[in-house]
N, C-alpha and C. Protein backbone atom coordinates (compact mmCIF):
# COMPACT_ATOMS: atom_id res chain seq x y z
N MET A 1 13.67 -3.26 5.97
CA MET A 1 12.64 -3.52 5.29
C MET A 1 11.87 -4.56 5.20
N ILE A 2 10.65 -5.20 5.36
CA ILE A 2 10.30 -6.29 4.56
C ILE A 2 10.69 -6.63 3.33
N GLU A 3 10.88 -8.27 3.73
CA GLU A 3 11.71 -9.27 2.75
C GLU A 3 10.51 -8.88 1.12
N GLY A 4 10.81 -8.31 0.05
CA GLY A 4 10.58 -7.99 -1.32
C GLY A 4 9.42 -7.25 -1.02
N VAL A 5 9.68 -6.32 0.14
CA VAL A 5 9.21 -4.92 -0.53
C VAL A 5 9.48 -4.20 -1.23
N LYS A 6 8.94 -3.29 -2.00
CA LYS A 6 10.06 -2.46 -2.99
C LYS A 6 8.95 -0.78 -2.91
N ILE A 7 9.70 0.40 -3.34
CA ILE A 7 9.77 1.48 -3.33
C ILE A 7 9.79 2.12 -4.62
N LYS A 8 9.65 2.78 -5.38
CA LYS A 8 9.90 3.27 -6.29
C LYS A 8 9.49 4.92 -5.98
N LYS A 9 10.92 5.48 -6.08
CA LYS A 9 10.35 6.91 -5.94
C LYS A 9 9.88 7.85 -7.03
N LEU A 10 8.75 8.49 -7.21
CA LEU A 10 8.37 9.34 -8.30
C LEU A 10 9.15 10.17 -8.48
N VAL A 11 9.31 10.75 -10.11
CA VAL A 11 10.31 11.69 -10.47
C VAL A 11 8.96 12.31 -11.12
N LYS A 12 9.11 13.81 -10.48
CA LYS A 12 7.87 14.62 -10.69
C LYS A 12 8.61 15.47 -12.00
N HIS A 13 8.02 16.00 -13.46
CA HIS A 13 8.65 16.88 -14.37
C HIS A 13 7.75 17.75 -14.33
N CYS A 14 8.39 19.23 -13.65
CA CYS A 14 7.69 19.96 -13.50
C CYS A 14 7.77 21.13 -14.43
N ASP A 15 7.05 22.26 -14.78
CA ASP A 15 7.17 23.16 -15.62
C ASP A 15 6.13 24.33 -15.56
N ASP A 16 5.75 25.18 -16.08
CA ASP A 16 4.83 26.60 -15.92
C ASP A 16 3.49 25.76 -16.04
N ARG A 17 2.63 24.90 -16.53
CA ARG A 17 1.44 24.34 -16.52
C ARG A 17 1.42 23.11 -15.46
N GLY A 18 2.25 22.90 -14.86
CA GLY A 18 1.93 21.82 -13.67
C GLY A 18 2.99 20.68 -13.62
N PHE A 19 2.88 19.41 -13.57
CA PHE A 19 3.58 18.69 -13.44
C PHE A 19 3.43 17.05 -14.41
N PHE A 20 3.93 16.43 -14.69
CA PHE A 20 4.14 14.87 -15.00
C PHE A 20 4.88 14.02 -14.07
N ALA A 21 4.06 13.12 -14.22
CA ALA A 21 4.77 11.68 -13.57
C ALA A 21 4.45 10.57 -13.75
N GLU A 22 5.29 9.46 -14.62
CA GLU A 22 4.99 8.05 -14.69
C GLU A 22 4.56 7.16 -13.17
N LEU A 23 4.05 6.04 -13.47
CA LEU A 23 3.49 5.47 -12.30
C LEU A 23 4.36 4.03 -12.19
N VAL A 24 3.81 3.84 -13.40
CA VAL A 24 3.78 1.82 -13.41
C VAL A 24 4.39 1.70 -15.25
N ARG A 25 5.48 1.28 -15.93
CA ARG A 25 5.30 0.62 -17.09
C ARG A 25 5.63 -0.42 -16.86
N ASP A 26 5.72 -0.85 -18.41
CA ASP A 26 6.19 -2.43 -18.47
C ASP A 26 7.37 -2.52 -18.64
N ASP A 27 8.23 -1.61 -18.53
CA ASP A 27 9.49 -2.18 -17.80
C ASP A 27 10.57 -2.24 -17.18
N GLU A 28 9.21 -2.41 -16.37
CA GLU A 28 9.66 -2.49 -14.81
C GLU A 28 9.14 -4.03 -14.03
N PRO A 29 9.76 -5.09 -14.76
CA PRO A 29 9.00 -6.35 -14.14
C PRO A 29 9.36 -6.57 -12.68
N ASP A 30 10.14 -5.85 -12.06
CA ASP A 30 10.67 -5.94 -10.45
C ASP A 30 9.87 -5.35 -9.64
N LEU A 31 9.10 -4.15 -10.16
CA LEU A 31 8.01 -4.07 -9.53
C LEU A 31 6.33 -4.34 -9.89
N LEU A 32 6.22 -4.78 -10.74
CA LEU A 32 4.78 -5.36 -10.81
C LEU A 32 5.10 -6.48 -12.02
N SER A 33 5.14 -7.87 -11.29
CA SER A 33 5.63 -8.77 -12.22
C SER A 33 4.53 -8.66 -13.25
N ARG A 34 3.07 -8.26 -13.15
CA ARG A 34 2.02 -9.00 -14.04
C ARG A 34 0.65 -7.63 -14.06
N PHE A 35 0.06 -7.60 -15.09
CA PHE A 35 -0.76 -6.34 -14.37
C PHE A 35 -2.31 -7.09 -14.32
N GLY A 36 -3.39 -7.06 -13.57
CA GLY A 36 -4.23 -7.62 -12.97
C GLY A 36 -5.55 -6.76 -13.08
N GLN A 37 -5.29 -5.54 -12.44
CA GLN A 37 -6.28 -4.70 -12.39
C GLN A 37 -5.66 -3.06 -11.71
N ALA A 38 -6.36 -2.29 -11.92
CA ALA A 38 -6.39 -1.11 -11.88
C ALA A 38 -7.56 -0.44 -10.52
N SER A 39 -7.24 -0.08 -9.18
CA SER A 39 -8.39 0.09 -8.59
C SER A 39 -8.41 2.01 -7.90
N TRP A 40 -9.70 2.47 -7.51
CA TRP A 40 -9.20 3.85 -6.94
C TRP A 40 -9.90 3.57 -6.14
N SER A 41 -10.13 4.21 -5.16
CA SER A 41 -10.70 4.90 -3.83
C SER A 41 -10.38 5.57 -2.80
N MET A 42 -11.27 6.32 -1.83
CA MET A 42 -11.22 7.43 -1.07
C MET A 42 -11.60 7.41 0.25
N SER A 43 -11.12 7.72 1.65
CA SER A 43 -11.19 7.56 2.44
C SER A 43 -11.25 8.67 3.00
N TYR A 44 -12.02 9.15 4.20
CA TYR A 44 -12.19 10.12 4.80
C TYR A 44 -11.39 10.69 5.89
N PRO A 45 -10.70 11.35 6.76
CA PRO A 45 -9.72 11.54 7.60
C PRO A 45 -10.05 10.88 8.70
N GLY A 46 -8.86 10.32 9.38
CA GLY A 46 -8.82 9.30 10.21
C GLY A 46 -9.36 8.14 9.89
N VAL A 47 -9.97 7.59 8.69
CA VAL A 47 -10.27 6.23 8.42
C VAL A 47 -9.41 5.11 8.85
N ILE A 48 -9.28 4.49 9.46
CA ILE A 48 -8.50 2.62 9.37
C ILE A 48 -8.54 1.99 8.41
N LYS A 49 -8.23 1.58 7.02
CA LYS A 49 -9.00 0.60 6.64
C LYS A 49 -7.78 -0.42 6.80
N ALA A 50 -7.81 -1.63 8.04
CA ALA A 50 -6.48 -2.64 7.66
C ALA A 50 -7.68 -3.87 8.78
N PHE A 51 -6.76 -4.91 8.31
CA PHE A 51 -5.88 -5.44 7.52
C PHE A 51 -6.69 -6.53 7.05
N HIS A 52 -5.58 -6.91 5.54
CA HIS A 52 -6.07 -7.51 4.91
C HIS A 52 -4.64 -7.93 4.10
N TYR A 53 -4.84 -9.69 3.38
CA TYR A 53 -3.42 -9.95 2.92
C TYR A 53 -4.42 -10.77 1.72
N HIS A 54 -3.43 -11.16 0.90
CA HIS A 54 -3.35 -11.81 -0.12
C HIS A 54 -2.54 -13.01 -0.29
N GLU A 55 -3.12 -13.76 -0.97
CA GLU A 55 -2.47 -15.49 -1.61
C GLU A 55 -1.88 -15.47 -2.70
N LYS A 56 -2.42 -14.82 -3.38
CA LYS A 56 -2.11 -15.27 -5.08
C LYS A 56 -1.86 -13.90 -5.75
N GLN A 57 -2.16 -12.78 -5.20
CA GLN A 57 -1.96 -11.40 -5.90
C GLN A 57 -0.75 -10.71 -5.11
N ASP A 58 0.10 -9.56 -5.85
CA ASP A 58 1.20 -8.49 -5.08
C ASP A 58 -0.38 -7.02 -5.16
N ASP A 59 -0.21 -6.03 -5.02
CA ASP A 59 -0.58 -5.20 -4.92
C ASP A 59 0.20 -3.88 -5.12
N LEU A 60 0.00 -2.65 -5.46
CA LEU A 60 1.05 -1.73 -5.92
C LEU A 60 0.48 -0.71 -5.54
N TRP A 61 0.69 0.14 -4.58
CA TRP A 61 -0.16 1.52 -3.85
C TRP A 61 0.60 2.52 -4.02
N PHE A 62 -0.63 3.61 -4.19
CA PHE A 62 0.19 5.08 -5.11
C PHE A 62 -1.18 6.08 -4.10
N PHE A 63 -0.67 7.20 -3.27
CA PHE A 63 -1.76 8.17 -2.90
C PHE A 63 -1.56 9.63 -3.57
N PRO A 64 -2.24 9.13 -4.33
CA PRO A 64 -2.01 10.98 -5.46
C PRO A 64 -2.34 12.12 -4.50
N SER A 65 -3.60 11.94 -3.83
CA SER A 65 -4.05 13.17 -2.88
C SER A 65 -4.12 12.75 -1.41
N GLY A 66 -3.90 13.59 -0.36
CA GLY A 66 -3.94 13.08 0.75
C GLY A 66 -2.69 12.42 1.06
N ASN A 67 -3.07 11.92 2.36
CA ASN A 67 -1.43 11.74 3.11
C ASN A 67 -2.59 10.14 4.52
N ALA A 68 -1.26 8.87 4.16
CA ALA A 68 -1.73 8.01 4.72
C ALA A 68 -0.28 7.14 5.50
N GLN A 69 -0.46 6.84 6.38
CA GLN A 69 0.22 5.96 7.34
C GLN A 69 0.04 4.59 6.57
N VAL A 70 1.00 4.09 6.03
CA VAL A 70 0.47 2.48 5.77
C VAL A 70 1.61 1.42 6.54
N VAL A 71 0.66 0.21 6.80
CA VAL A 71 1.22 -0.23 8.29
C VAL A 71 1.32 -1.75 7.08
N LEU A 72 2.57 -2.53 7.04
CA LEU A 72 2.88 -3.88 7.05
C LEU A 72 3.37 -4.51 7.53
N HIS A 73 2.46 -5.97 7.99
CA HIS A 73 3.51 -7.04 8.60
C HIS A 73 3.21 -8.41 7.95
N ASP A 74 4.43 -8.61 7.69
CA ASP A 74 4.88 -9.97 7.17
C ASP A 74 4.48 -11.32 7.53
N LEU A 75 3.65 -11.90 7.33
CA LEU A 75 2.33 -13.23 7.04
C LEU A 75 3.86 -14.80 6.92
N ARG A 76 4.65 -14.39 6.26
CA ARG A 76 4.83 -15.64 5.12
C ARG A 76 5.88 -16.42 6.28
N ASP A 77 5.25 -17.58 6.22
CA ASP A 77 6.49 -18.37 7.16
C ASP A 77 8.00 -18.79 6.20
N SER A 78 7.73 -18.91 5.00
CA SER A 78 8.73 -18.56 4.27
C SER A 78 10.01 -17.67 4.63
N SER A 79 9.83 -16.42 4.82
CA SER A 79 10.22 -14.92 4.47
C SER A 79 11.24 -14.87 6.30
N SER A 80 11.87 -14.45 5.57
CA SER A 80 13.37 -13.98 6.89
C SER A 80 13.12 -12.91 7.47
N THR A 81 11.86 -11.91 7.08
CA THR A 81 11.68 -11.14 7.93
C THR A 81 9.64 -11.51 8.52
N LYS A 82 9.69 -13.30 8.77
CA LYS A 82 8.54 -13.11 9.01
C LYS A 82 8.00 -12.43 10.84
N GLY A 83 7.56 -11.81 11.18
CA GLY A 83 6.66 -11.52 12.06
C GLY A 83 7.47 -9.52 12.31
N LYS A 84 8.03 -9.22 11.30
CA LYS A 84 8.11 -8.17 11.16
C LYS A 84 7.33 -7.10 10.60
N THR A 85 6.61 -5.56 11.39
CA THR A 85 6.00 -4.70 10.79
C THR A 85 6.65 -3.41 10.40
N ASP A 86 6.74 -2.66 9.08
CA ASP A 86 7.34 -1.63 9.15
C ASP A 86 5.72 -0.75 8.48
N VAL A 87 6.30 0.48 9.01
CA VAL A 87 5.59 1.60 8.70
C VAL A 87 5.87 2.95 7.55
N TYR A 88 5.21 2.92 6.48
CA TYR A 88 5.19 3.84 5.60
C TYR A 88 4.57 4.89 5.41
N TYR A 89 5.38 6.14 5.06
CA TYR A 89 3.66 7.08 4.62
C TYR A 89 3.78 7.45 2.95
N LEU A 90 3.03 7.56 2.92
CA LEU A 90 2.68 7.63 1.17
C LEU A 90 1.32 9.15 1.19
N GLY A 91 1.65 9.52 0.11
CA GLY A 91 0.77 10.62 -0.19
C GLY A 91 1.06 12.09 -0.91
N GLU A 92 0.70 12.97 -0.66
CA GLU A 92 1.06 13.81 -1.12
C GLU A 92 2.74 14.90 -0.74
N GLU A 93 2.68 14.01 0.30
CA GLU A 93 4.35 14.69 0.84
C GLU A 93 5.12 14.14 0.49
N ASN A 94 4.92 12.60 -0.14
CA ASN A 94 6.02 11.69 -0.40
C ASN A 94 4.88 10.69 -1.23
N PRO A 95 5.46 10.89 -2.57
CA PRO A 95 4.75 10.64 -3.83
C PRO A 95 5.75 9.47 -4.24
N ILE A 96 5.44 8.36 -3.59
CA ILE A 96 5.92 6.73 -3.84
C ILE A 96 5.01 5.80 -4.28
N MET A 97 5.54 4.94 -4.64
CA MET A 97 4.79 3.71 -5.61
C MET A 97 5.43 2.31 -4.33
N LEU A 98 4.59 2.22 -3.72
CA LEU A 98 4.82 0.89 -2.53
C LEU A 98 4.32 -0.44 -2.98
N LEU A 99 4.94 -1.60 -3.26
CA LEU A 99 4.82 -3.08 -3.82
C LEU A 99 4.48 -3.63 -2.81
N ILE A 100 3.78 -4.36 -2.48
CA ILE A 100 3.03 -4.99 -1.53
C ILE A 100 2.96 -6.46 -1.66
N PRO A 101 3.77 -7.43 -1.11
CA PRO A 101 3.97 -8.76 -2.07
C PRO A 101 2.64 -9.84 -1.36
N LYS A 102 2.12 -10.37 -2.08
CA LYS A 102 1.39 -11.32 -1.92
C LYS A 102 2.05 -11.93 -0.05
N GLY A 103 0.96 -12.37 1.04
CA GLY A 103 1.32 -13.12 2.02
C GLY A 103 1.74 -11.86 3.16
N ILE A 104 1.50 -10.31 3.15
CA ILE A 104 1.71 -9.32 3.76
C ILE A 104 0.26 -8.91 3.89
N ALA A 105 0.52 -8.60 5.04
CA ALA A 105 -0.87 -7.78 5.61
C ALA A 105 -0.29 -6.48 5.71
N HIS A 106 -1.95 -5.99 4.89
CA HIS A 106 -1.70 -4.32 5.24
C HIS A 106 -2.34 -3.48 5.21
N GLY A 107 -2.27 -2.42 5.64
CA GLY A 107 -3.32 -1.34 5.50
C GLY A 107 -2.85 -0.24 5.88
N TYR A 108 -3.48 0.41 6.37
CA TYR A 108 -3.91 2.36 6.34
C TYR A 108 -4.91 3.03 7.24
N ARG A 109 -4.06 4.43 7.33
CA ARG A 109 -5.02 5.28 8.47
C ARG A 109 -4.72 6.52 7.63
N VAL A 110 -5.71 7.09 7.19
CA VAL A 110 -5.84 8.49 6.46
C VAL A 110 -5.22 9.46 7.68
N LEU A 111 -4.25 10.63 7.53
CA LEU A 111 -3.71 11.35 8.28
C LEU A 111 -4.05 12.69 7.64
N GLY A 112 -4.39 13.69 8.67
CA GLY A 112 -4.82 15.25 8.40
C GLY A 112 -5.69 15.30 8.61
N GLU A 113 -6.56 16.36 7.82
CA GLU A 113 -7.42 17.06 7.43
C GLU A 113 -8.24 16.38 6.35
N LYS A 114 -7.91 16.04 5.14
CA LYS A 114 -8.26 15.72 3.99
C LYS A 114 -8.42 14.46 3.78
N PRO A 115 -9.65 14.13 2.91
CA PRO A 115 -9.44 12.84 2.59
C PRO A 115 -8.44 12.52 1.96
N ALA A 116 -7.87 11.00 1.23
CA ALA A 116 -6.97 10.30 0.67
C ALA A 116 -7.21 9.50 -0.14
N THR A 117 -7.16 9.54 -1.30
CA THR A 117 -6.99 9.07 -2.36
C THR A 117 -5.85 7.65 -2.79
N ILE A 118 -6.59 6.87 -2.92
CA ILE A 118 -5.61 5.94 -3.51
C ILE A 118 -5.89 4.79 -4.59
N ILE A 119 -4.74 4.79 -5.66
CA ILE A 119 -5.15 4.41 -6.84
C ILE A 119 -3.94 3.09 -6.46
N TYR A 120 -4.34 1.77 -6.87
CA TYR A 120 -3.53 0.36 -6.53
C TYR A 120 -3.96 -1.04 -7.90
N PHE A 121 -2.38 -1.11 -8.07
CA PHE A 121 -2.90 -1.82 -8.80
C PHE A 121 -2.19 -3.18 -8.66
N THR A 122 -2.80 -4.72 -9.05
CA THR A 122 -2.61 -5.76 -8.92
C THR A 122 -2.19 -6.98 -10.03
N THR A 123 -2.05 -7.77 -9.10
CA THR A 123 -1.56 -8.79 -10.16
C THR A 123 -2.53 -9.66 -11.06
N LYS A 124 -3.45 -9.23 -10.47
CA LYS A 124 -5.08 -10.58 -10.36
C LYS A 124 -5.91 -9.52 -10.46
N SER A 125 -7.06 -10.10 -11.34
CA SER A 125 -7.92 -9.02 -11.19
C SER A 125 -9.23 -10.24 -10.10
N TYR A 126 -9.77 -8.90 -9.53
CA TYR A 126 -10.47 -9.64 -8.68
C TYR A 126 -12.02 -10.28 -9.00
N ASP A 127 -11.75 -11.32 -7.97
CA ASP A 127 -12.64 -12.39 -8.45
C ASP A 127 -14.51 -12.39 -7.47
N SER A 128 -14.51 -12.02 -7.55
CA SER A 128 -16.15 -11.62 -6.72
C SER A 128 -16.56 -12.93 -5.86
N LYS A 129 -16.46 -14.07 -6.69
CA LYS A 129 -17.10 -15.84 -6.14
C LYS A 129 -15.76 -16.58 -5.74
N ASN A 130 -14.60 -15.92 -5.93
CA ASN A 130 -13.67 -16.70 -5.10
C ASN A 130 -12.49 -15.09 -4.47
N PRO A 131 -12.64 -14.91 -3.77
CA PRO A 131 -12.00 -13.24 -3.19
C PRO A 131 -10.54 -13.65 -2.57
N ASP A 132 -9.37 -13.30 -3.14
CA ASP A 132 -8.14 -13.30 -2.75
C ASP A 132 -8.17 -12.32 -1.51
N GLU A 133 -8.71 -12.46 -0.52
CA GLU A 133 -8.69 -10.84 -0.10
C GLU A 133 -8.91 -12.22 2.12
N LYS A 134 -7.90 -12.32 2.57
CA LYS A 134 -8.03 -12.65 4.07
C LYS A 134 -7.89 -11.55 5.04
N ARG A 135 -9.08 -11.37 5.62
CA ARG A 135 -9.20 -10.05 6.47
C ARG A 135 -8.51 -10.63 8.12
N ILE A 136 -7.85 -9.43 8.66
CA ILE A 136 -7.36 -9.37 9.99
C ILE A 136 -7.99 -8.07 10.68
N GLU A 137 -8.46 -7.64 11.92
CA GLU A 137 -8.85 -6.86 12.50
C GLU A 137 -8.00 -5.74 12.41
N TRP A 138 -8.02 -4.79 12.55
CA TRP A 138 -7.20 -3.88 12.94
C TRP A 138 -6.22 -3.35 13.78
N ASN A 139 -6.71 -4.10 14.71
CA ASN A 139 -6.31 -3.88 16.40
C ASN A 139 -5.77 -5.61 16.85
N ASP A 140 -5.76 -6.44 15.39
CA ASP A 140 -5.26 -7.79 15.98
C ASP A 140 -3.77 -7.91 17.03
N PRO A 141 -3.82 -8.72 18.29
CA PRO A 141 -2.83 -8.38 18.86
C PRO A 141 -1.59 -9.24 18.58
N SER A 142 -1.72 -9.81 17.74
CA SER A 142 -0.89 -10.96 17.15
C SER A 142 0.14 -9.82 16.06
N ILE A 143 -0.36 -8.81 15.13
CA ILE A 143 0.29 -7.66 15.09
C ILE A 143 0.87 -6.50 15.70
N GLY A 144 -0.44 -6.12 16.76
CA GLY A 144 0.16 -5.25 17.87
C GLY A 144 0.30 -4.28 17.46
N PHE A 145 -0.29 -3.28 16.49
CA PHE A 145 0.41 -2.13 15.99
C PHE A 145 -0.45 -1.06 16.78
N ASN A 146 0.18 -0.08 17.18
CA ASN A 146 -0.69 0.99 17.77
C ASN A 146 -0.67 2.25 16.58
N TRP A 147 -1.94 2.56 16.58
CA TRP A 147 -2.46 3.60 15.49
C TRP A 147 -2.08 4.88 15.76
N ASP A 148 -2.23 4.94 17.49
CA ASP A 148 -2.26 6.19 17.85
C ASP A 148 -1.51 7.10 17.44
N THR A 149 -1.15 8.48 17.06
CA THR A 149 -0.14 9.38 16.19
C THR A 149 0.67 9.52 17.95
N LYS A 150 1.30 9.58 17.77
CA LYS A 150 2.78 9.63 18.99
C LYS A 150 3.46 11.40 18.80
N PHE A 151 2.71 12.18 19.84
CA PHE A 151 3.08 13.06 20.16
C PHE A 151 4.58 13.42 20.84
N ARG A 152 5.11 14.52 19.73
CA ARG A 152 6.43 14.26 20.34
C ARG A 152 7.16 15.74 20.49
């Protein structure tokens, strides 16, 4: 696992009415050190949204509907896992929160036949005049990730 990345497995409380689950709590400072903004986005099946990274903010990702292949690549010079790439599967089939520290390139591919929705929290609010978002092409050779499904 890339240094600083954290996973929180969600606990669903189910009954005859449906379910309830907590996403983020203010008494979990090891998960989200500061609240900056909450955002919501939807992507269609097969879409790849990758890569970008931040220099000032951490992201906390959750996919409440659909499923996604999330790819992280550690760009941090000071990290013991610099250059490491990890893959996570988030969504309806695996409801977890994924903390992505600043300096880690991240992106995702929507899996399956339905759109995926992401809700994410950041430690800083978005500044349109000076965005903390650095872009890397989805197929950048320095990351070298193969987005193709591997049939087994």
